[in-house]
Amino acid sequence: MDFWLWIWIFFEIFIFIALLMALFTIFGDLFRDRKLNGWAKAAWVVFLILVPWLAALVYLIARGNGMAERSAAQARQAQEATDAYIRQAAGTSPADEIANAAKLLEAGTITTAEYETLKAKALA
């Protein structure tokens, strides 16, 4: 086999993988869309299976803006969930910990030395 045949084979593999990625993205968006009814989803699936290149092009032209909005909304939701988890896992701020230690000191639950230890740990 000559060099250009190998280049052509790699090009065909690249195009096939690009088509698969586009189809998976489109199928994911198609079933994520809550506004589209079941019959329309079924029609898109049949169209995507019968003529994948044409259907993918038509889908991206017709529904590309909505696809971007749904993707951005999903990313925003994931970011909010991550932020909420980080806030919950991080616990209280150092100022809150010092304030709680001061309340314990005023109540006589801890000594001044223990208060200073808690304060130093919170500031560290």
PDB file of N, CA and C in Angstrom:
ATOM      1  N   MET A   1       0.843  -1.183   0.000  1.00  0.00           N
ATOM      2  CA  MET A   1       0.000   0.000   0.000  1.00  0.00           C
ATOM      3  C   MET A   1       0.888   1.247   0.000  1.00  0.00           C
ATOM      4  N   ASP A   2       0.468   2.221  -0.735  1.00  0.00           N
ATOM      5  CA  ASP A   2       1.285   3.429  -0.809  1.00  0.00           C
ATOM      6  C   ASP A   2       0.857   4.451   0.250  1.00  0.00           C
ATOM      7  N   PHE A   3       1.619   5.497   0.343  1.00  0.00           N
ATOM      8  CA  PHE A   3       1.455   6.523   1.362  1.00  0.00           C
ATOM      9  C   PHE A   3       0.094   7.202   1.295  1.00  0.00           C
ATOM     10  N   TRP A   4      -0.376   7.560   0.088  1.00  0.00           N
ATOM     11  CA  TRP A   4      -1.627   8.302  -0.048  1.00  0.00           C
ATOM     12  C   TRP A   4      -2.844   7.458   0.296  1.00  0.00           C
ATOM     13  N   LEU A   5      -2.730   6.155   0.115  1.00  0.00           N
ATOM     14  CA  LEU A   5      -3.813   5.281   0.531  1.00  0.00           C
ATOM     15  C   LEU A   5      -3.957   5.300   2.049  1.00  0.00           C
ATOM     16  N   TRP A   6      -2.837   5.300   2.760  1.00  0.00           N
ATOM     17  CA  TRP A   6      -2.874   5.393   4.219  1.00  0.00           C
ATOM     18  C   TRP A   6      -3.457   6.725   4.673  1.00  0.00           C
ATOM     19  N   ILE A   7      -3.063   7.789   4.007  1.00  0.00           N
ATOM     20  CA  ILE A   7      -3.621   9.113   4.340  1.00  0.00           C
ATOM     21  C   ILE A   7      -5.134   9.100   4.135  1.00  0.00           C
ATOM     22  N   TRP A   8      -5.602   8.501   3.036  1.00  0.00           N
ATOM     23  CA  TRP A   8      -7.033   8.440   2.751  1.00  0.00           C
ATOM     24  C   TRP A   8      -7.771   7.614   3.814  1.00  0.00           C
ATOM     25  N   ILE A   9      -7.177   6.503   4.230  1.00  0.00           N
ATOM     26  CA  ILE A   9      -7.790   5.665   5.261  1.00  0.00           C
ATOM     27  C   ILE A   9      -7.920   6.437   6.567  1.00  0.00           C
ATOM     28  N   PHE A  10      -6.857   7.129   6.967  1.00  0.00           N
ATOM     29  CA  PHE A  10      -6.918   7.930   8.191  1.00  0.00           C
ATOM     30  C   PHE A  10      -7.949   9.043   8.078  1.00  0.00           C
ATOM     31  N   PHE A  11      -8.083   9.656   6.926  1.00  0.00           N
ATOM     32  CA  PHE A  11      -9.074  10.693   6.709  1.00  0.00           C
ATOM     33  C   PHE A  11     -10.487  10.127   6.853  1.00  0.00           C
ATOM     34  N   GLU A  12     -10.735   8.946   6.260  1.00  0.00           N
ATOM     35  CA  GLU A  12     -12.053   8.322   6.375  1.00  0.00           C
ATOM     36  C   GLU A  12     -12.375   7.971   7.829  1.00  0.00           C
ATOM     37  N   ILE A  13     -11.386   7.469   8.557  1.00  0.00           N
ATOM     38  CA  ILE A  13     -11.595   7.149   9.974  1.00  0.00           C
ATOM     39  C   ILE A  13     -11.912   8.419  10.755  1.00  0.00           C
ATOM     40  N   PHE A  14     -11.208   9.505  10.474  1.00  0.00           N
ATOM     41  CA  PHE A  14     -11.465  10.782  11.136  1.00  0.00           C
ATOM     42  C   PHE A  14     -12.890  11.259  10.865  1.00  0.00           C
ATOM     43  N   ILE A  15     -13.318  11.196   9.622  1.00  0.00           N
ATOM     44  CA  ILE A  15     -14.660  11.638   9.258  1.00  0.00           C
ATOM     45  C   ILE A  15     -15.712  10.766   9.943  1.00  0.00           C
ATOM     46  N   PHE A  16     -15.486   9.460  10.006  1.00  0.00           N
ATOM     47  CA  PHE A  16     -16.435   8.552  10.655  1.00  0.00           C
ATOM     48  C   PHE A  16     -16.542   8.854  12.146  1.00  0.00           C
ATOM     49  N   ILE A  17     -15.425   9.081  12.813  1.00  0.00           N
ATOM     50  CA  ILE A  17     -15.442   9.401  14.248  1.00  0.00           C
ATOM     51  C   ILE A  17     -16.113  10.748  14.487  1.00  0.00           C
ATOM     52  N   ALA A  18     -15.868  11.718  13.597  1.00  0.00           N
ATOM     53  CA  ALA A  18     -16.532  13.022  13.721  1.00  0.00           C
ATOM     54  C   ALA A  18     -18.044  12.869  13.586  1.00  0.00           C
ATOM     55  N   LEU A  19     -18.491  12.013  12.654  1.00  0.00           N
ATOM     56  CA  LEU A  19     -19.927  11.769  12.497  1.00  0.00           C
ATOM     57  C   LEU A  19     -20.503  11.129  13.759  1.00  0.00           C
ATOM     58  N   LEU A  20     -19.804  10.146  14.312  1.00  0.00           N
ATOM     59  CA  LEU A  20     -20.288   9.502  15.529  1.00  0.00           C
ATOM     60  C   LEU A  20     -20.390  10.496  16.683  1.00  0.00           C
ATOM     61  N   MET A  21     -19.398  11.352  16.831  1.00  0.00           N
ATOM     62  CA  MET A  21     -19.442  12.350  17.902  1.00  0.00           C
ATOM     63  C   MET A  21     -20.612  13.305  17.700  1.00  0.00           C
ATOM     64  N   ALA A  22     -20.821  13.738  16.467  1.00  0.00           N
ATOM     65  CA  ALA A  22     -21.943  14.641  16.182  1.00  0.00           C
ATOM     66  C   ALA A  22     -23.276  13.951  16.464  1.00  0.00           C
ATOM     67  N   LEU A  23     -23.400  12.695  16.068  1.00  0.00           N
ATOM     68  CA  LEU A  23     -24.651  11.980  16.303  1.00  0.00           C
ATOM     69  C   LEU A  23     -24.910  11.768  17.791  1.00  0.00           C
ATOM     70  N   PHE A  24     -23.882  11.400  18.548  1.00  0.00           N
ATOM     71  CA  PHE A  24     -24.076  11.232  19.991  1.00  0.00           C
ATOM     72  C   PHE A  24     -24.468  12.552  20.648  1.00  0.00           C
ATOM     73  N   THR A  25     -23.864  13.646  20.215  1.00  0.00           N
ATOM     74  CA  THR A  25     -24.214  14.955  20.758  1.00  0.00           C
ATOM     75  C   THR A  25     -25.655  15.314  20.411  1.00  0.00           C
ATOM     76  N   ILE A  26     -26.042  15.043  19.180  1.00  0.00           N
ATOM     77  CA  ILE A  26     -27.404  15.358  18.750  1.00  0.00           C
ATOM     78  C   ILE A  26     -28.414  14.485  19.485  1.00  0.00           C
ATOM     79  N   PHE A  27     -28.145  13.187  19.608  1.00  0.00           N
ATOM     80  CA  PHE A  27     -29.064  12.307  20.339  1.00  0.00           C
ATOM     81  C   PHE A  27     -29.184  12.747  21.797  1.00  0.00           C
ATOM     82  N   GLY A  28     -28.061  13.117  22.410  1.00  0.00           N
ATOM     83  CA  GLY A  28     -28.109  13.596  23.791  1.00  0.00           C
ATOM     84  C   GLY A  28     -28.959  14.841  23.921  1.00  0.00           C
ATOM     85  N   ASP A  29     -28.785  15.777  22.998  1.00  0.00           N
ATOM     86  CA  ASP A  29     -29.580  17.007  23.031  1.00  0.00           C
ATOM     87  C   ASP A  29     -31.047  16.724  22.734  1.00  0.00           C
ATOM     88  N   LEU A  30     -31.275  15.824  21.813  1.00  0.00           N
ATOM     89  CA  LEU A  30     -32.641  15.502  21.414  1.00  0.00           C
ATOM     90  C   LEU A  30     -33.443  14.967  22.593  1.00  0.00           C
ATOM     91  N   PHE A  31     -32.862  14.085  23.376  1.00  0.00           N
ATOM     92  CA  PHE A  31     -33.598  13.498  24.492  1.00  0.00           C
ATOM     93  C   PHE A  31     -33.523  14.351  25.752  1.00  0.00           C
ATOM     94  N   ARG A  32     -32.683  15.368  25.767  1.00  0.00           N
ATOM     95  CA  ARG A  32     -32.632  16.311  26.891  1.00  0.00           C
ATOM     96  C   ARG A  32     -33.697  17.392  26.743  1.00  0.00           C
ATOM     97  N   ASP A  33     -34.155  17.628  25.516  1.00  0.00           N
ATOM     98  CA  ASP A  33     -35.119  18.692  25.241  1.00  0.00           C
ATOM     99  C   ASP A  33     -36.503  18.287  25.754  1.00  0.00           C
ATOM    100  N   ARG A  34     -37.007  19.023  26.729  1.00  0.00           N
ATOM    101  CA  ARG A  34     -38.306  18.708  27.326  1.00  0.00           C
ATOM    102  C   ARG A  34     -39.465  19.320  26.527  1.00  0.00           C
ATOM    103  N   LYS A  35     -39.179  20.278  25.662  1.00  0.00           N
ATOM    104  CA  LYS A  35     -40.247  20.928  24.903  1.00  0.00           C
ATOM    105  C   LYS A  35     -40.679  20.110  23.685  1.00  0.00           C
ATOM    106  N   LEU A  36     -39.802  19.251  23.193  1.00  0.00           N
ATOM    107  CA  LEU A  36     -40.098  18.455  22.002  1.00  0.00           C
ATOM    108  C   LEU A  36     -40.885  17.210  22.408  1.00  0.00           C
ATOM    109  N   ASN A  37     -42.000  16.937  21.690  1.00  0.00           N
ATOM    110  CA  ASN A  37     -42.815  15.775  22.066  1.00  0.00           C
ATOM    111  C   ASN A  37     -42.201  14.478  21.532  1.00  0.00           C
ATOM    112  N   GLY A  38     -42.761  13.357  21.950  1.00  0.00           N
ATOM    113  CA  GLY A  38     -42.215  12.047  21.609  1.00  0.00           C
ATOM    114  C   GLY A  38     -42.226  11.730  20.129  1.00  0.00           C
ATOM    115  N   TRP A  39     -43.281  12.138  19.424  1.00  0.00           N
ATOM    116  CA  TRP A  39     -43.351  11.858  17.991  1.00  0.00           C
ATOM    117  C   TRP A  39     -42.288  12.634  17.227  1.00  0.00           C
ATOM    118  N   ALA A  40     -42.046  13.849  17.616  1.00  0.00           N
ATOM    119  CA  ALA A  40     -41.005  14.637  16.946  1.00  0.00           C
ATOM    120  C   ALA A  40     -39.631  14.034  17.208  1.00  0.00           C
ATOM    121  N   LYS A  41     -39.411  13.566  18.442  1.00  0.00           N
ATOM    122  CA  LYS A  41     -38.139  12.906  18.756  1.00  0.00           C
ATOM    123  C   LYS A  41     -37.973  11.642  17.923  1.00  0.00           C
ATOM    124  N   ALA A  42     -39.047  10.877  17.794  1.00  0.00           N
ATOM    125  CA  ALA A  42     -38.994   9.654  16.992  1.00  0.00           C
ATOM    126  C   ALA A  42     -38.697   9.975  15.527  1.00  0.00           C
ATOM    127  N   ALA A  43     -39.307  11.027  15.007  1.00  0.00           N
ATOM    128  CA  ALA A  43     -39.059  11.426  13.618  1.00  0.00           C
ATOM    129  C   ALA A  43     -37.600  11.829  13.425  1.00  0.00           C
ATOM    130  N   TRP A  44     -37.057  12.591  14.371  1.00  0.00           N
ATOM    131  CA  TRP A  44     -35.651  12.972  14.273  1.00  0.00           C
ATOM    132  C   TRP A  44     -34.738  11.747  14.322  1.00  0.00           C
ATOM    133  N   VAL A  45     -35.050  10.788  15.193  1.00  0.00           N
ATOM    134  CA  VAL A  45     -34.223   9.579  15.304  1.00  0.00           C
ATOM    135  C   VAL A  45     -34.242   8.802  13.986  1.00  0.00           C
ATOM    136  N   VAL A  46     -35.415   8.623  13.410  1.00  0.00           N
ATOM    137  CA  VAL A  46     -35.512   7.911  12.130  1.00  0.00           C
ATOM    138  C   VAL A  46     -34.742   8.659  11.060  1.00  0.00           C
ATOM    139  N   PHE A  47     -34.910   9.967  10.994  1.00  0.00           N
ATOM    140  CA  PHE A  47     -34.203  10.795  10.018  1.00  0.00           C
ATOM    141  C   PHE A  47     -32.691  10.697  10.226  1.00  0.00           C
ATOM    142  N   LEU A  48     -32.245  10.697  11.474  1.00  0.00           N
ATOM    143  CA  LEU A  48     -30.811  10.598  11.762  1.00  0.00           C
ATOM    144  C   LEU A  48     -30.241   9.224  11.409  1.00  0.00           C
ATOM    145  N   ILE A  49     -31.048   8.184  11.502  1.00  0.00           N
ATOM    146  CA  ILE A  49     -30.567   6.849  11.159  1.00  0.00           C
ATOM    147  C   ILE A  49     -30.543   6.643   9.646  1.00  0.00           C
ATOM    148  N   LEU A  50     -31.572   7.145   8.949  1.00  0.00           N
ATOM    149  CA  LEU A  50     -31.652   6.924   7.501  1.00  0.00           C
ATOM    150  C   LEU A  50     -30.646   7.755   6.706  1.00  0.00           C
ATOM    151  N   VAL A  51     -30.553   9.018   7.006  1.00  0.00           N
ATOM    152  CA  VAL A  51     -29.613   9.902   6.291  1.00  0.00           C
ATOM    153  C   VAL A  51     -28.844  10.730   7.324  1.00  0.00           C
ATOM    154  N   PRO A  52     -27.821  10.144   7.936  1.00  0.00           N
ATOM    155  CA  PRO A  52     -27.172  10.801   9.076  1.00  0.00           C
ATOM    156  C   PRO A  52     -26.513  12.142   8.749  1.00  0.00           C
ATOM    157  N   TRP A  53     -25.834  12.256   7.622  1.00  0.00           N
ATOM    158  CA  TRP A  53     -25.148  13.520   7.325  1.00  0.00           C
ATOM    159  C   TRP A  53     -26.145  14.651   7.104  1.00  0.00           C
ATOM    160  N   LEU A  54     -27.142  14.392   6.293  1.00  0.00           N
ATOM    161  CA  LEU A  54     -28.149  15.415   6.007  1.00  0.00           C
ATOM    162  C   LEU A  54     -28.948  15.764   7.256  1.00  0.00           C
ATOM    163  N   ALA A  55     -29.338  14.749   8.006  1.00  0.00           N
ATOM    164  CA  ALA A  55     -30.128  14.983   9.212  1.00  0.00           C
ATOM    165  C   ALA A  55     -29.333  15.767  10.250  1.00  0.00           C
ATOM    166  N   ALA A  56     -28.043  15.434  10.407  1.00  0.00           N
ATOM    167  CA  ALA A  56     -27.206  16.162  11.370  1.00  0.00           C
ATOM    168  C   ALA A  56     -27.069  17.620  10.954  1.00  0.00           C
ATOM    169  N   LEU A  57     -26.869  17.848   9.663  1.00  0.00           N
ATOM    170  CA  LEU A  57     -26.754  19.225   9.175  1.00  0.00           C
ATOM    171  C   LEU A  57     -28.056  19.995   9.388  1.00  0.00           C
ATOM    172  N   VAL A  58     -29.187  19.384   9.064  1.00  0.00           N
ATOM    173  CA  VAL A  58     -30.483  20.043   9.248  1.00  0.00           C
ATOM    174  C   VAL A  58     -30.740  20.299  10.729  1.00  0.00           C
ATOM    175  N   TYR A  59     -30.419  19.324  11.590  1.00  0.00           N
ATOM    176  CA  TYR A  59     -30.637  19.487  13.028  1.00  0.00           C
ATOM    177  C   TYR A  59     -29.812  20.650  13.568  1.00  0.00           C
ATOM    178  N   LEU A  60     -28.552  20.719  13.175  1.00  0.00           N
ATOM    179  CA  LEU A  60     -27.689  21.788  13.675  1.00  0.00           C
ATOM    180  C   LEU A  60     -28.144  23.159  13.192  1.00  0.00           C
ATOM    181  N   ILE A  61     -28.664  23.216  11.977  1.00  0.00           N
ATOM    182  CA  ILE A  61     -29.159  24.494  11.466  1.00  0.00           C
ATOM    183  C   ILE A  61     -30.480  24.866  12.142  1.00  0.00           C
ATOM    184  N   ALA A  62     -31.391  23.905  12.226  1.00  0.00           N
ATOM    185  CA  ALA A  62     -32.730  24.196  12.738  1.00  0.00           C
ATOM    186  C   ALA A  62     -32.763  24.355  14.253  1.00  0.00           C
ATOM    187  N   ARG A  63     -31.977  23.581  14.967  1.00  0.00           N
ATOM    188  CA  ARG A  63     -32.091  23.561  16.416  1.00  0.00           C
ATOM    189  C   ARG A  63     -30.771  23.887  17.119  1.00  0.00           C
ATOM    190  N   GLY A  64     -29.826  24.462  16.405  1.00  0.00           N
ATOM    191  CA  GLY A  64     -28.512  24.748  16.974  1.00  0.00           C
ATOM    192  C   GLY A  64     -28.537  25.724  18.133  1.00  0.00           C
ATOM    193  N   ASN A  65     -29.347  26.784  18.027  1.00  0.00           N
ATOM    194  CA  ASN A  65     -29.423  27.761  19.123  1.00  0.00           C
ATOM    195  C   ASN A  65     -30.000  27.139  20.385  1.00  0.00           C
ATOM    196  N   GLY A  66     -31.059  26.375  20.234  1.00  0.00           N
ATOM    197  CA  GLY A  66     -31.646  25.689  21.387  1.00  0.00           C
ATOM    198  C   GLY A  66     -30.679  24.681  21.978  1.00  0.00           C
ATOM    199  N   MET A  67     -29.915  24.045  21.114  1.00  0.00           N
ATOM    200  CA  MET A  67     -28.913  23.074  21.565  1.00  0.00           C
ATOM    201  C   MET A  67     -27.862  23.771  22.428  1.00  0.00           C
ATOM    202  N   ALA A  68     -27.424  24.928  22.001  1.00  0.00           N
ATOM    203  CA  ALA A  68     -26.441  25.691  22.780  1.00  0.00           C
ATOM    204  C   ALA A  68     -27.028  26.159  24.105  1.00  0.00           C
ATOM    205  N   GLU A  69     -28.278  26.604  24.086  1.00  0.00           N
ATOM    206  CA  GLU A  69     -28.932  27.059  25.325  1.00  0.00           C
ATOM    207  C   GLU A  69     -29.100  25.918  26.320  1.00  0.00           C
ATOM    208  N   ARG A  70     -29.517  24.744  25.836  1.00  0.00           N
ATOM    209  CA  ARG A  70     -29.674  23.593  26.729  1.00  0.00           C
ATOM    210  C   ARG A  70     -28.325  23.147  27.293  1.00  0.00           C
ATOM    211  N   SER A  71     -27.299  23.197  26.466  1.00  0.00           N
ATOM    212  CA  SER A  71     -25.963  22.820  26.933  1.00  0.00           C
ATOM    213  C   SER A  71     -25.451  23.805  27.976  1.00  0.00           C
ATOM    214  N   ALA A  72     -25.673  25.096  27.749  1.00  0.00           N
ATOM    215  CA  ALA A  72     -25.251  26.113  28.721  1.00  0.00           C
ATOM    216  C   ALA A  72     -26.034  25.977  30.020  1.00  0.00           C
ATOM    217  N   ALA A  73     -27.330  25.674  29.924  1.00  0.00           N
ATOM    218  CA  ALA A  73     -28.145  25.498  31.130  1.00  0.00           C
ATOM    219  C   ALA A  73     -27.674  24.295  31.932  1.00  0.00           C
ATOM    220  N   GLN A  74     -27.320  23.227  31.229  1.00  0.00           N
ATOM    221  CA  GLN A  74     -26.823  22.036  31.927  1.00  0.00           C
ATOM    222  C   GLN A  74     -25.486  22.327  32.594  1.00  0.00           C
ATOM    223  N   ALA A  75     -24.602  23.062  31.923  1.00  0.00           N
ATOM    224  CA  ALA A  75     -23.312  23.416  32.516  1.00  0.00           C
ATOM    225  C   ALA A  75     -23.504  24.326  33.730  1.00  0.00           C
ATOM    226  N   ARG A  76     -24.444  25.273  33.619  1.00  0.00           N
ATOM    227  CA  ARG A  76     -24.735  26.174  34.732  1.00  0.00           C
ATOM    228  C   ARG A  76     -25.279  25.398  35.932  1.00  0.00           C
ATOM    229  N   GLN A  77     -26.153  24.440  35.670  1.00  0.00           N
ATOM    230  CA  GLN A  77     -26.721  23.623  36.738  1.00  0.00           C
ATOM    231  C   GLN A  77     -25.639  22.768  37.403  1.00  0.00           C
ATOM    232  N   ALA A  78     -24.750  22.213  36.606  1.00  0.00           N
ATOM    233  CA  ALA A  78     -23.656  21.414  37.174  1.00  0.00           C
ATOM    234  C   ALA A  78     -22.729  22.286  38.013  1.00  0.00           C
ATOM    235  N   GLN A  79     -22.466  23.517  37.551  1.00  0.00           N
ATOM    236  CA  GLN A  79     -21.611  24.433  38.312  1.00  0.00           C
ATOM    237  C   GLN A  79     -22.264  24.817  39.636  1.00  0.00           C
ATOM    238  N   GLU A  80     -23.569  25.081  39.615  1.00  0.00           N
ATOM    239  CA  GLU A  80     -24.279  25.421  40.851  1.00  0.00           C
ATOM    240  C   GLU A  80     -24.264  24.257  41.833  1.00  0.00           C
ATOM    241  N   ALA A  81     -24.432  23.041  41.328  1.00  0.00           N
ATOM    242  CA  ALA A  81     -24.384  21.860  42.200  1.00  0.00           C
ATOM    243  C   ALA A  81     -22.994  21.687  42.796  1.00  0.00           C
ATOM    244  N   THR A  82     -21.965  21.927  41.984  1.00  0.00           N
ATOM    245  CA  THR A  82     -20.591  21.831  42.481  1.00  0.00           C
ATOM    246  C   THR A  82     -20.326  22.884  43.536  1.00  0.00           C
ATOM    247  N   ASP A  83     -20.758  24.109  43.285  1.00  0.00           N
ATOM    248  CA  ASP A  83     -20.562  25.190  44.259  1.00  0.00           C
ATOM    249  C   ASP A  83     -21.286  24.891  45.569  1.00  0.00           C
ATOM    250  N   ALA A  84     -22.502  24.376  45.476  1.00  0.00           N
ATOM    251  CA  ALA A  84     -23.260  24.044  46.688  1.00  0.00           C
ATOM    252  C   ALA A  84     -22.563  22.943  47.481  1.00  0.00           C
ATOM    253  N   TYR A  85     -22.029  21.953  46.756  1.00  0.00           N
ATOM    254  CA  TYR A  85     -21.316  20.877  47.445  1.00  0.00           C
ATOM    255  C   TYR A  85     -20.052  21.399  48.122  1.00  0.00           C
ATOM    256  N   ILE A  86     -19.329  22.270  47.445  1.00  0.00           N
ATOM    257  CA  ILE A  86     -18.102  22.823  48.025  1.00  0.00           C
ATOM    258  C   ILE A  86     -18.429  23.648  49.265  1.00  0.00           C
ATOM    259  N   ARG A  87     -19.482  24.477  49.192  1.00  0.00           N
ATOM    260  CA  ARG A  87     -19.882  25.265  50.354  1.00  0.00           C
ATOM    261  C   ARG A  87     -20.275  24.362  51.528  1.00  0.00           C
ATOM    262  N   GLN A  88     -20.999  23.284  51.220  1.00  0.00           N
ATOM    263  CA  GLN A  88     -21.444  22.372  52.264  1.00  0.00           C
ATOM    264  C   GLN A  88     -20.258  21.613  52.849  1.00  0.00           C
ATOM    265  N   ALA A  89     -19.319  21.201  52.000  1.00  0.00           N
ATOM    266  CA  ALA A  89     -18.172  20.422  52.473  1.00  0.00           C
ATOM    267  C   ALA A  89     -17.159  21.293  53.205  1.00  0.00           C
ATOM    268  N   ALA A  90     -17.069  22.568  52.823  1.00  0.00           N
ATOM    269  CA  ALA A  90     -16.095  23.457  53.440  1.00  0.00           C
ATOM    270  C   ALA A  90     -16.474  23.804  54.873  1.00  0.00           C
ATOM    271  N   GLY A  91     -17.733  23.761  55.166  1.00  0.00           N
ATOM    272  CA  GLY A  91     -18.162  24.074  56.532  1.00  0.00           C
ATOM    273  C   GLY A  91     -18.231  25.571  56.755  1.00  0.00           C
ATOM    274  N   THR A  92     -17.840  25.990  57.953  1.00  0.00           N
ATOM    275  CA  THR A  92     -17.947  27.396  58.316  1.00  0.00           C
ATOM    276  C   THR A  92     -16.668  28.141  57.979  1.00  0.00           C
ATOM    277  N   SER A  93     -16.758  29.437  57.954  1.00  0.00           N
ATOM    278  CA  SER A  93     -15.592  30.269  57.683  1.00  0.00           C
ATOM    279  C   SER A  93     -14.773  30.427  58.963  1.00  0.00           C
ATOM    280  N   PRO A  94     -13.518  30.870  58.854  1.00  0.00           N
ATOM    281  CA  PRO A  94     -12.706  31.088  60.056  1.00  0.00           C
ATOM    282  C   PRO A  94     -13.342  32.083  61.029  1.00  0.00           C
ATOM    283  N   ALA A  95     -13.982  33.115  60.498  1.00  0.00           N
ATOM    284  CA  ALA A  95     -14.625  34.107  61.370  1.00  0.00           C
ATOM    285  C   ALA A  95     -15.755  33.455  62.179  1.00  0.00           C
ATOM    286  N   ASP A  96     -16.513  32.556  61.530  1.00  0.00           N
ATOM    287  CA  ASP A  96     -17.585  31.857  62.245  1.00  0.00           C
ATOM    288  C   ASP A  96     -17.021  30.952  63.331  1.00  0.00           C
ATOM    289  N   GLU A  97     -15.927  30.275  63.024  1.00  0.00           N
ATOM    290  CA  GLU A  97     -15.311  29.399  64.025  1.00  0.00           C
ATOM    291  C   GLU A  97     -14.805  30.197  65.226  1.00  0.00           C
ATOM    292  N   ILE A  98     -14.201  31.356  64.978  1.00  0.00           N
ATOM    293  CA  ILE A  98     -13.708  32.202  66.071  1.00  0.00           C
ATOM    294  C   ILE A  98     -14.881  32.726  66.893  1.00  0.00           C
ATOM    295  N   ALA A  99     -15.972  33.115  66.218  1.00  0.00           N
ATOM    296  CA  ALA A  99     -17.154  33.603  66.931  1.00  0.00           C
ATOM    297  C   ALA A  99     -17.750  32.499  67.807  1.00  0.00           C
ATOM    298  N   ASN A 100     -17.803  31.287  67.289  1.00  0.00           N
ATOM    299  CA  ASN A 100     -18.310  30.174  68.090  1.00  0.00           C
ATOM    300  C   ASN A 100     -17.405  29.894  69.283  1.00  0.00           C
ATOM    301  N   ALA A 101     -16.093  29.984  69.071  1.00  0.00           N
ATOM    302  CA  ALA A 101     -15.154  29.771  70.175  1.00  0.00           C
ATOM    303  C   ALA A 101     -15.310  30.875  71.223  1.00  0.00           C
ATOM    304  N   ALA A 102     -15.554  32.111  70.779  1.00  0.00           N
ATOM    305  CA  ALA A 102     -15.746  33.220  71.718  1.00  0.00           C
ATOM    306  C   ALA A 102     -17.006  33.001  72.555  1.00  0.00           C
ATOM    307  N   LYS A 103     -18.072  32.481  71.927  1.00  0.00           N
ATOM    308  CA  LYS A 103     -19.297  32.187  72.669  1.00  0.00           C
ATOM    309  C   LYS A 103     -19.042  31.116  73.729  1.00  0.00           C
ATOM    310  N   LEU A 104     -18.254  30.097  73.335  1.00  0.00           N
ATOM    311  CA  LEU A 104     -17.930  29.040  74.299  1.00  0.00           C
ATOM    312  C   LEU A 104     -17.086  29.588  75.448  1.00  0.00           C
ATOM    313  N   LEU A 105     -16.179  30.531  75.132  1.00  0.00           N
ATOM    314  CA  LEU A 105     -15.349  31.141  76.176  1.00  0.00           C
ATOM    315  C   LEU A 105     -16.215  31.965  77.125  1.00  0.00           C
ATOM    316  N   GLU A 106     -17.141  32.751  76.578  1.00  0.00           N
ATOM    317  CA  GLU A 106     -18.024  33.574  77.406  1.00  0.00           C
ATOM    318  C   GLU A 106     -18.935  32.712  78.280  1.00  0.00           C
ATOM    319  N   ALA A 107     -19.339  31.553  77.753  1.00  0.00           N
ATOM    320  CA  ALA A 107     -20.199  30.661  78.525  1.00  0.00           C
ATOM    321  C   ALA A 107     -19.420  29.894  79.587  1.00  0.00           C
ATOM    322  N   GLY A 108     -18.102  29.951  79.489  1.00  0.00           N
ATOM    323  CA  GLY A 108     -17.273  29.253  80.460  1.00  0.00           C
ATOM    324  C   GLY A 108     -17.058  27.786  80.129  1.00  0.00           C
ATOM    325  N   THR A 109     -17.400  27.393  78.919  1.00  0.00           N
ATOM    326  CA  THR A 109     -17.233  26.002  78.504  1.00  0.00           C
ATOM    327  C   THR A 109     -15.774  25.670  78.236  1.00  0.00           C
ATOM    328  N   ILE A 110     -15.021  26.656  77.702  1.00  0.00           N
ATOM    329  CA  ILE A 110     -13.602  26.433  77.421  1.00  0.00           C
ATOM    330  C   ILE A 110     -12.776  27.483  78.143  1.00  0.00           C
ATOM    331  N   THR A 111     -11.499  27.189  78.286  1.00  0.00           N
ATOM    332  CA  THR A 111     -10.588  28.130  78.939  1.00  0.00           C
ATOM    333  C   THR A 111     -10.011  29.078  77.899  1.00  0.00           C
ATOM    334  N   THR A 112      -9.306  30.091  78.390  1.00  0.00           N
ATOM    335  CA  THR A 112      -8.668  31.064  77.492  1.00  0.00           C
ATOM    336  C   THR A 112      -7.623  30.379  76.622  1.00  0.00           C
ATOM    337  N   ALA A 113      -6.880  29.442  77.169  1.00  0.00           N
ATOM    338  CA  ALA A 113      -5.865  28.725  76.400  1.00  0.00           C
ATOM    339  C   ALA A 113      -6.514  27.914  75.274  1.00  0.00           C
ATOM    340  N   GLU A 114      -7.636  27.268  75.583  1.00  0.00           N
ATOM    341  CA  GLU A 114      -8.345  26.506  74.553  1.00  0.00           C
ATOM    342  C   GLU A 114      -8.910  27.441  73.483  1.00  0.00           C
ATOM    343  N   TYR A 115      -9.378  28.606  73.920  1.00  0.00           N
ATOM    344  CA  TYR A 115      -9.875  29.602  72.959  1.00  0.00           C
ATOM    345  C   TYR A 115      -8.763  30.035  72.016  1.00  0.00           C
ATOM    346  N   GLU A 116      -7.590  30.319  72.558  1.00  0.00           N
ATOM    347  CA  GLU A 116      -6.458  30.735  71.723  1.00  0.00           C
ATOM    348  C   GLU A 116      -6.056  29.619  70.759  1.00  0.00           C
ATOM    349  N   THR A 117      -6.133  28.370  71.210  1.00  0.00           N
ATOM    350  CA  THR A 117      -5.804  27.234  70.339  1.00  0.00           C
ATOM    351  C   THR A 117      -6.810  27.130  69.197  1.00  0.00           C
ATOM    352  N   LEU A 118      -8.093  27.244  69.508  1.00  0.00           N
ATOM    353  CA  LEU A 118      -9.131  27.196  68.474  1.00  0.00           C
ATOM    354  C   LEU A 118      -8.999  28.366  67.499  1.00  0.00           C
ATOM    355  N   LYS A 119      -8.657  29.542  68.035  1.00  0.00           N
ATOM    356  CA  LYS A 119      -8.495  30.727  67.198  1.00  0.00           C
ATOM    357  C   LYS A 119      -7.314  30.544  66.239  1.00  0.00           C
ATOM    358  N   ALA A 120      -6.201  30.016  66.763  1.00  0.00           N
ATOM    359  CA  ALA A 120      -5.031  29.790  65.914  1.00  0.00           C
ATOM    360  C   ALA A 120      -5.310  28.750  64.852  1.00  0.00           C
ATOM    361  N   LYS A 121      -6.055  27.700  65.209  1.00  0.00           N
ATOM    362  CA  LYS A 121      -6.408  26.656  64.241  1.00  0.00           C
ATOM    363  C   LYS A 121      -7.324  27.209  63.159  1.00  0.00           C
ATOM    364  N   ALA A 122      -8.260  28.069  63.526  1.00  0.00           N
ATOM    365  CA  ALA A 122      -9.176  28.657  62.542  1.00  0.00           C
ATOM    366  C   ALA A 122      -8.452  29.583  61.577  1.00  0.00           C
ATOM    367  N   LEU A 123      -7.456  30.289  62.075  1.00  0.00           N
ATOM    368  CA  LEU A 123      -6.711  31.235  61.233  1.00  0.00           C
ATOM    369  C   LEU A 123      -5.637  30.545  60.387  1.00  0.00           C
ATOM    370  N   ALA A 124      -5.305  29.321  60.714  1.00  0.00           N
ATOM    371  CA  ALA A 124      -4.256  28.616  59.978  1.00  0.00           C
ATOM    372  C   ALA A 124      -4.716  28.139  58.627  1.00  0.00           C
TER     373      ALA A 124
END
